[in-house]
């Protein structure tokens, strides 16, 4: 059992590193991401993990369709922003928020986590496809925190038919699951980065 766990973990890490190489290309023009304040319940705390499919230390994964959310964080001049904290929270596959409901509907689903951007402004989360909440299409809530710039909160809709919030593009299947590429552009210039 222990060998299977480590083998599965090695395959997952390999798949994630392979997915990192196919991050979304930078847009030709950087238009600021719309700030949308979520109407969804916010978690009391964000777990320090980007894998929302499993509780830290558990070998079990949450039921649902696995997805990979890959993103880029840019400033108003299309320069990548490093060392930003990305907070993401979402509903489980049934449209319930496990961090607010008294019952843990999806077993191992975390529902809220954090990631940091690398030197190219990249971040990613492993999750499950969220269920519809109050007749809204499946979406994830994102908050960007960086000491040098204002905080940004937005929503990334994982379906077609909306131009609100973060720019999202479905980019097909990966070893981990269906991938969604998100580009978030801050409305400010990062004065600490010069090119």
C-alpha atoms as a PDB file:
ATOM      1  CA  UNK A   1       0.000   0.000   0.000  1.00  0.00           C
ATOM      2  CA  UNK A   2       2.807   2.387   0.922  1.00  0.00           C
ATOM      3  CA  UNK A   3       4.632   1.703  -2.375  1.00  0.00           C
ATOM      4  CA  UNK A   4       1.426   2.364  -4.313  1.00  0.00           C
ATOM      5  CA  UNK A   5       0.971   5.693  -2.516  1.00  0.00           C
ATOM      6  CA  UNK A   6       4.512   6.860  -3.316  1.00  0.00           C
ATOM      7  CA  UNK A   7       4.222   5.639  -6.914  1.00  0.00           C
ATOM      8  CA  UNK A   8       0.931   7.550  -7.297  1.00  0.00           C
ATOM      9  CA  UNK A   9       2.491  10.642  -5.744  1.00  0.00           C
ATOM     10  CA  UNK A  10       5.465  10.432  -8.129  1.00  0.00           C
ATOM     11  CA  UNK A  11       3.132  10.144 -11.132  1.00  0.00           C
ATOM     12  CA  UNK A  12       1.090  13.125  -9.929  1.00  0.00           C
ATOM     13  CA  UNK A  13       4.175  15.304  -9.427  1.00  0.00           C
ATOM     14  CA  UNK A  14       5.488  14.335 -12.870  1.00  0.00           C
ATOM     15  CA  UNK A  15       2.140  15.197 -14.438  1.00  0.00           C
ATOM     16  CA  UNK A  16       2.053  18.567 -12.672  1.00  0.00           C
ATOM     17  CA  UNK A  17       5.579  19.447 -13.799  1.00  0.00           C
ATOM     18  CA  UNK A  18       4.653  18.502 -17.379  1.00  0.00           C
ATOM     19  CA  UNK A  19       1.551  20.692 -17.184  1.00  0.00           C
ATOM     20  CA  UNK A  20       3.608  23.654 -15.944  1.00  0.00           C
ATOM     21  CA  UNK A  21       5.446  23.785 -19.291  1.00  0.00           C
ATOM     22  CA  UNK A  22       2.227  24.452 -21.208  1.00  0.00           C
ATOM     23  CA  UNK A  23       1.093  27.540 -19.317  1.00  0.00           C
ATOM     24  CA  UNK A  24      -1.030  30.077 -21.175  1.00  0.00           C
ATOM     25  CA  UNK A  25       0.784  32.463 -23.454  1.00  0.00           C
ATOM     26  CA  UNK A  26       0.870  36.125 -22.550  1.00  0.00           C
ATOM     27  CA  UNK A  27      -1.892  38.187 -24.153  1.00  0.00           C
ATOM     28  CA  UNK A  28      -0.980  40.718 -26.826  1.00  0.00           C
ATOM     29  CA  UNK A  29      -2.658  43.491 -24.828  1.00  0.00           C
ATOM     30  CA  UNK A  30      -3.093  43.436 -21.066  1.00  0.00           C
ATOM     31  CA  UNK A  31      -6.539  44.576 -20.084  1.00  0.00           C
ATOM     32  CA  UNK A  32      -7.253  44.737 -16.344  1.00  0.00           C
ATOM     33  CA  UNK A  33      -9.230  41.875 -14.837  1.00  0.00           C
ATOM     34  CA  UNK A  34     -12.661  42.965 -13.604  1.00  0.00           C
ATOM     35  CA  UNK A  35     -12.950  43.062  -9.847  1.00  0.00           C
ATOM     36  CA  UNK A  36     -15.920  40.914  -8.809  1.00  0.00           C
ATOM     37  CA  UNK A  37     -16.678  40.462  -5.143  1.00  0.00           C
ATOM     38  CA  UNK A  38     -17.938  36.952  -4.557  1.00  0.00           C
ATOM     39  CA  UNK A  39     -21.447  36.344  -3.286  1.00  0.00           C
ATOM     40  CA  UNK A  40     -20.294  32.877  -2.190  1.00  0.00           C
ATOM     41  CA  UNK A  41     -19.460  32.215   1.451  1.00  0.00           C
ATOM     42  CA  UNK A  42     -15.804  32.842   2.217  1.00  0.00           C
ATOM     43  CA  UNK A  43     -13.868  30.284   4.233  1.00  0.00           C
ATOM     44  CA  UNK A  44     -12.753  31.109   7.762  1.00  0.00           C
ATOM     45  CA  UNK A  45      -9.248  30.038   6.763  1.00  0.00           C
ATOM     46  CA  UNK A  46      -7.355  29.052   3.642  1.00  0.00           C
ATOM     47  CA  UNK A  47      -5.341  25.835   3.761  1.00  0.00           C
ATOM     48  CA  UNK A  48      -1.670  26.116   2.792  1.00  0.00           C
ATOM     49  CA  UNK A  49      -2.044  23.800  -0.175  1.00  0.00           C
ATOM     50  CA  UNK A  50      -2.863  24.101  -3.843  1.00  0.00           C
ATOM     51  CA  UNK A  51      -4.357  20.591  -3.940  1.00  0.00           C
ATOM     52  CA  UNK A  52      -8.029  21.014  -3.069  1.00  0.00           C
ATOM     53  CA  UNK A  53      -8.775  17.370  -3.967  1.00  0.00           C
ATOM     54  CA  UNK A  54      -7.306  15.939  -0.770  1.00  0.00           C
ATOM     55  CA  UNK A  55      -6.804  16.839   2.858  1.00  0.00           C
ATOM     56  CA  UNK A  56      -3.105  17.231   3.624  1.00  0.00           C
ATOM     57  CA  UNK A  57      -1.681  13.886   4.716  1.00  0.00           C
ATOM     58  CA  UNK A  58      -4.551  11.831   3.302  1.00  0.00           C
ATOM     59  CA  UNK A  59      -4.192   9.303   0.476  1.00  0.00           C
ATOM     60  CA  UNK A  60      -7.884   9.677  -0.446  1.00  0.00           C
ATOM     61  CA  UNK A  61      -9.081  12.138  -3.067  1.00  0.00           C
ATOM     62  CA  UNK A  62     -12.425  13.881  -3.261  1.00  0.00           C
ATOM     63  CA  UNK A  63     -15.032  12.548  -5.679  1.00  0.00           C
ATOM     64  CA  UNK A  64     -15.727  14.559  -8.791  1.00  0.00           C
ATOM     65  CA  UNK A  65     -14.209  15.366 -12.157  1.00  0.00           C
ATOM     66  CA  UNK A  66     -10.558  16.348 -11.627  1.00  0.00           C
ATOM     67  CA  UNK A  67      -9.462  19.698 -13.045  1.00  0.00           C
ATOM     68  CA  UNK A  68      -6.199  21.608 -13.198  1.00  0.00           C
ATOM     69  CA  UNK A  69      -6.363  25.392 -12.864  1.00  0.00           C
ATOM     70  CA  UNK A  70      -3.227  27.033 -14.279  1.00  0.00           C
ATOM     71  CA  UNK A  71      -2.786  30.772 -14.112  1.00  0.00           C
ATOM     72  CA  UNK A  72      -0.599  33.757 -14.861  1.00  0.00           C
ATOM     73  CA  UNK A  73      -0.574  36.963 -12.819  1.00  0.00           C
ATOM     74  CA  UNK A  74       0.501  40.077 -14.722  1.00  0.00           C
ATOM     75  CA  UNK A  75       0.692  43.786 -14.055  1.00  0.00           C
ATOM     76  CA  UNK A  76      -0.795  46.456 -16.340  1.00  0.00           C
ATOM     77  CA  UNK A  77       2.306  46.325 -18.602  1.00  0.00           C
ATOM     78  CA  UNK A  78       2.086  42.512 -19.027  1.00  0.00           C
ATOM     79  CA  UNK A  79       5.058  41.946 -16.710  1.00  0.00           C
ATOM     80  CA  UNK A  80       4.721  38.773 -14.603  1.00  0.00           C
ATOM     81  CA  UNK A  81       4.211  39.337 -10.878  1.00  0.00           C
ATOM     82  CA  UNK A  82       6.231  37.031  -8.620  1.00  0.00           C
ATOM     83  CA  UNK A  83       5.679  36.119  -4.966  1.00  0.00           C
ATOM     84  CA  UNK A  84       1.992  37.005  -4.868  1.00  0.00           C
ATOM     85  CA  UNK A  85      -0.370  34.917  -2.754  1.00  0.00           C
ATOM     86  CA  UNK A  86      -3.320  33.503  -4.673  1.00  0.00           C
ATOM     87  CA  UNK A  87      -6.296  32.435  -2.554  1.00  0.00           C
ATOM     88  CA  UNK A  88      -8.873  30.234  -4.257  1.00  0.00           C
ATOM     89  CA  UNK A  89     -12.171  28.919  -2.899  1.00  0.00           C
ATOM     90  CA  UNK A  90     -14.991  27.057  -4.578  1.00  0.00           C
ATOM     91  CA  UNK A  91     -17.930  24.713  -4.158  1.00  0.00           C
ATOM     92  CA  UNK A  92     -17.591  20.929  -4.303  1.00  0.00           C
ATOM     93  CA  UNK A  93     -19.022  18.811  -7.135  1.00  0.00           C
ATOM     94  CA  UNK A  94     -22.528  19.140  -5.651  1.00  0.00           C
ATOM     95  CA  UNK A  95     -22.460  22.931  -5.310  1.00  0.00           C
ATOM     96  CA  UNK A  96     -21.876  22.922  -1.530  1.00  0.00           C
ATOM     97  CA  UNK A  97     -19.227  24.934   0.280  1.00  0.00           C
ATOM     98  CA  UNK A  98     -17.609  22.433   2.636  1.00  0.00           C
ATOM     99  CA  UNK A  99     -15.946  25.139   4.713  1.00  0.00           C
ATOM    100  CA  UNK A 100     -19.338  26.573   5.705  1.00  0.00           C
ATOM    101  CA  UNK A 101     -21.708  23.583   5.661  1.00  0.00           C
ATOM    102  CA  UNK A 102     -21.932  21.627   8.908  1.00  0.00           C
ATOM    103  CA  UNK A 103     -21.521  18.323   7.068  1.00  0.00           C
ATOM    104  CA  UNK A 104     -18.475  17.599   4.946  1.00  0.00           C
ATOM    105  CA  UNK A 105     -20.401  16.696   1.779  1.00  0.00           C
ATOM    106  CA  UNK A 106     -17.477  15.502  -0.341  1.00  0.00           C
ATOM    107  CA  UNK A 107     -15.338  13.564   2.088  1.00  0.00           C
ATOM    108  CA  UNK A 108     -11.800  14.709   1.347  1.00  0.00           C
ATOM    109  CA  UNK A 109     -12.540  17.958  -0.533  1.00  0.00           C
ATOM    110  CA  UNK A 110     -10.701  20.936   0.988  1.00  0.00           C
ATOM    111  CA  UNK A 111     -12.569  23.738  -0.798  1.00  0.00           C
ATOM    112  CA  UNK A 112     -10.093  26.575  -0.146  1.00  0.00           C
ATOM    113  CA  UNK A 113      -6.338  26.848  -0.595  1.00  0.00           C
ATOM    114  CA  UNK A 114      -3.410  29.079  -1.446  1.00  0.00           C
ATOM    115  CA  UNK A 115      -0.584  29.143  -3.946  1.00  0.00           C
ATOM    116  CA  UNK A 116       2.284  31.554  -4.606  1.00  0.00           C
ATOM    117  CA  UNK A 117       3.282  32.846  -7.999  1.00  0.00           C
ATOM    118  CA  UNK A 118       6.715  31.924  -9.332  1.00  0.00           C
ATOM    119  CA  UNK A 119       9.131  34.302 -11.099  1.00  0.00           C
ATOM    120  CA  UNK A 120       7.012  34.097 -14.284  1.00  0.00           C
ATOM    121  CA  UNK A 121       3.779  34.899 -12.441  1.00  0.00           C
ATOM    122  CA  UNK A 122       2.537  31.302 -12.726  1.00  0.00           C
ATOM    123  CA  UNK A 123       0.359  29.460 -10.210  1.00  0.00           C
ATOM    124  CA  UNK A 124      -1.788  26.344 -10.258  1.00  0.00           C
ATOM    125  CA  UNK A 125      -4.398  24.429  -8.286  1.00  0.00           C
ATOM    126  CA  UNK A 126      -5.635  20.836  -8.452  1.00  0.00           C
ATOM    127  CA  UNK A 127      -9.342  20.579  -7.774  1.00  0.00           C
ATOM    128  CA  UNK A 128     -12.643  19.075  -8.879  1.00  0.00           C
ATOM    129  CA  UNK A 129     -15.150  20.664 -11.235  1.00  0.00           C
ATOM    130  CA  UNK A 130     -17.407  22.764  -8.995  1.00  0.00           C
ATOM    131  CA  UNK A 131     -21.141  22.240  -9.109  1.00  0.00           C
ATOM    132  CA  UNK A 132     -23.509  25.073  -9.969  1.00  0.00           C
ATOM    133  CA  UNK A 133     -24.298  27.408  -7.080  1.00  0.00           C
ATOM    134  CA  UNK A 134     -27.603  29.309  -7.033  1.00  0.00           C
ATOM    135  CA  UNK A 135     -28.031  28.780 -10.795  1.00  0.00           C
ATOM    136  CA  UNK A 136     -24.633  30.334 -11.610  1.00  0.00           C
ATOM    137  CA  UNK A 137     -22.328  28.444 -13.935  1.00  0.00           C
ATOM    138  CA  UNK A 138     -19.394  26.571 -12.358  1.00  0.00           C
ATOM    139  CA  UNK A 139     -16.788  29.009 -11.089  1.00  0.00           C
ATOM    140  CA  UNK A 140     -13.915  29.546  -8.676  1.00  0.00           C
ATOM    141  CA  UNK A 141     -13.348  32.617  -6.516  1.00  0.00           C
ATOM    142  CA  UNK A 142      -9.863  34.129  -6.568  1.00  0.00           C
ATOM    143  CA  UNK A 143      -8.186  36.742  -4.395  1.00  0.00           C
ATOM    144  CA  UNK A 144      -4.712  38.126  -5.150  1.00  0.00           C
ATOM    145  CA  UNK A 145      -2.621  39.498  -2.283  1.00  0.00           C
ATOM    146  CA  UNK A 146       0.680  41.323  -2.748  1.00  0.00           C
ATOM    147  CA  UNK A 147       2.094  43.976  -0.444  1.00  0.00           C
ATOM    148  CA  UNK A 148       3.206  46.279  -3.291  1.00  0.00           C
ATOM    149  CA  UNK A 149      -0.183  46.324  -5.086  1.00  0.00           C
ATOM    150  CA  UNK A 150      -3.831  46.620  -4.136  1.00  0.00           C
ATOM    151  CA  UNK A 151      -5.720  43.411  -3.390  1.00  0.00           C
ATOM    152  CA  UNK A 152      -7.864  42.034  -6.218  1.00  0.00           C
ATOM    153  CA  UNK A 153     -10.859  39.724  -5.888  1.00  0.00           C
ATOM    154  CA  UNK A 154     -12.479  38.186  -8.939  1.00  0.00           C
ATOM    155  CA  UNK A 155     -14.344  35.158 -10.216  1.00  0.00           C
ATOM    156  CA  UNK A 156     -13.205  32.745 -12.929  1.00  0.00           C
ATOM    157  CA  UNK A 157     -16.150  31.105 -14.720  1.00  0.00           C
ATOM    158  CA  UNK A 158     -15.292  27.644 -16.004  1.00  0.00           C
ATOM    159  CA  UNK A 159     -17.987  27.536 -18.649  1.00  0.00           C
ATOM    160  CA  UNK A 160     -18.586  29.450 -21.848  1.00  0.00           C
ATOM    161  CA  UNK A 161     -20.783  32.449 -22.343  1.00  0.00           C
ATOM    162  CA  UNK A 162     -19.391  35.122 -20.038  1.00  0.00           C
ATOM    163  CA  UNK A 163     -16.679  37.743 -20.318  1.00  0.00           C
ATOM    164  CA  UNK A 164     -16.871  38.806 -16.668  1.00  0.00           C
ATOM    165  CA  UNK A 165     -14.009  38.249 -14.250  1.00  0.00           C
ATOM    166  CA  UNK A 166     -10.705  36.608 -15.059  1.00  0.00           C
ATOM    167  CA  UNK A 167      -9.899  35.542 -18.615  1.00  0.00           C
ATOM    168  CA  UNK A 168     -10.400  31.741 -18.728  1.00  0.00           C
ATOM    169  CA  UNK A 169      -9.652  29.321 -21.542  1.00  0.00           C
ATOM    170  CA  UNK A 170     -10.211  25.573 -21.505  1.00  0.00           C
ATOM    171  CA  UNK A 171      -7.074  23.953 -22.860  1.00  0.00           C
ATOM    172  CA  UNK A 172      -8.020  20.292 -23.073  1.00  0.00           C
ATOM    173  CA  UNK A 173      -7.113  17.215 -21.088  1.00  0.00           C
ATOM    174  CA  UNK A 174      -3.903  16.681 -19.118  1.00  0.00           C
ATOM    175  CA  UNK A 175      -2.680  13.706 -17.104  1.00  0.00           C
ATOM    176  CA  UNK A 176      -4.314  15.272 -14.037  1.00  0.00           C
ATOM    177  CA  UNK A 177      -7.656  16.233 -15.605  1.00  0.00           C
ATOM    178  CA  UNK A 178      -9.205  18.954 -17.747  1.00  0.00           C
ATOM    179  CA  UNK A 179      -7.078  22.101 -17.694  1.00  0.00           C
ATOM    180  CA  UNK A 180      -8.321  25.673 -17.427  1.00  0.00           C
ATOM    181  CA  UNK A 181      -5.875  28.501 -18.141  1.00  0.00           C
ATOM    182  CA  UNK A 182      -6.540  31.770 -16.329  1.00  0.00           C
ATOM    183  CA  UNK A 183      -4.869  35.132 -16.888  1.00  0.00           C
ATOM    184  CA  UNK A 184      -5.303  37.761 -14.182  1.00  0.00           C
ATOM    185  CA  UNK A 185      -4.085  41.265 -14.962  1.00  0.00           C
ATOM    186  CA  UNK A 186      -3.762  43.801 -12.168  1.00  0.00           C
ATOM    187  CA  UNK A 187      -4.789  47.393 -12.885  1.00  0.00           C
ATOM    188  CA  UNK A 188      -1.436  48.702 -11.612  1.00  0.00           C
ATOM    189  CA  UNK A 189       2.200  48.616 -12.634  1.00  0.00           C
ATOM    190  CA  UNK A 190       4.605  46.739 -10.389  1.00  0.00           C
ATOM    191  CA  UNK A 191       7.282  49.387  -9.792  1.00  0.00           C
ATOM    192  CA  UNK A 192       9.658  46.810  -8.291  1.00  0.00           C
ATOM    193  CA  UNK A 193      10.093  44.985 -11.618  1.00  0.00           C
ATOM    194  CA  UNK A 194      11.930  46.659 -14.485  1.00  0.00           C
ATOM    195  CA  UNK A 195      12.768  45.236 -17.923  1.00  0.00           C
END
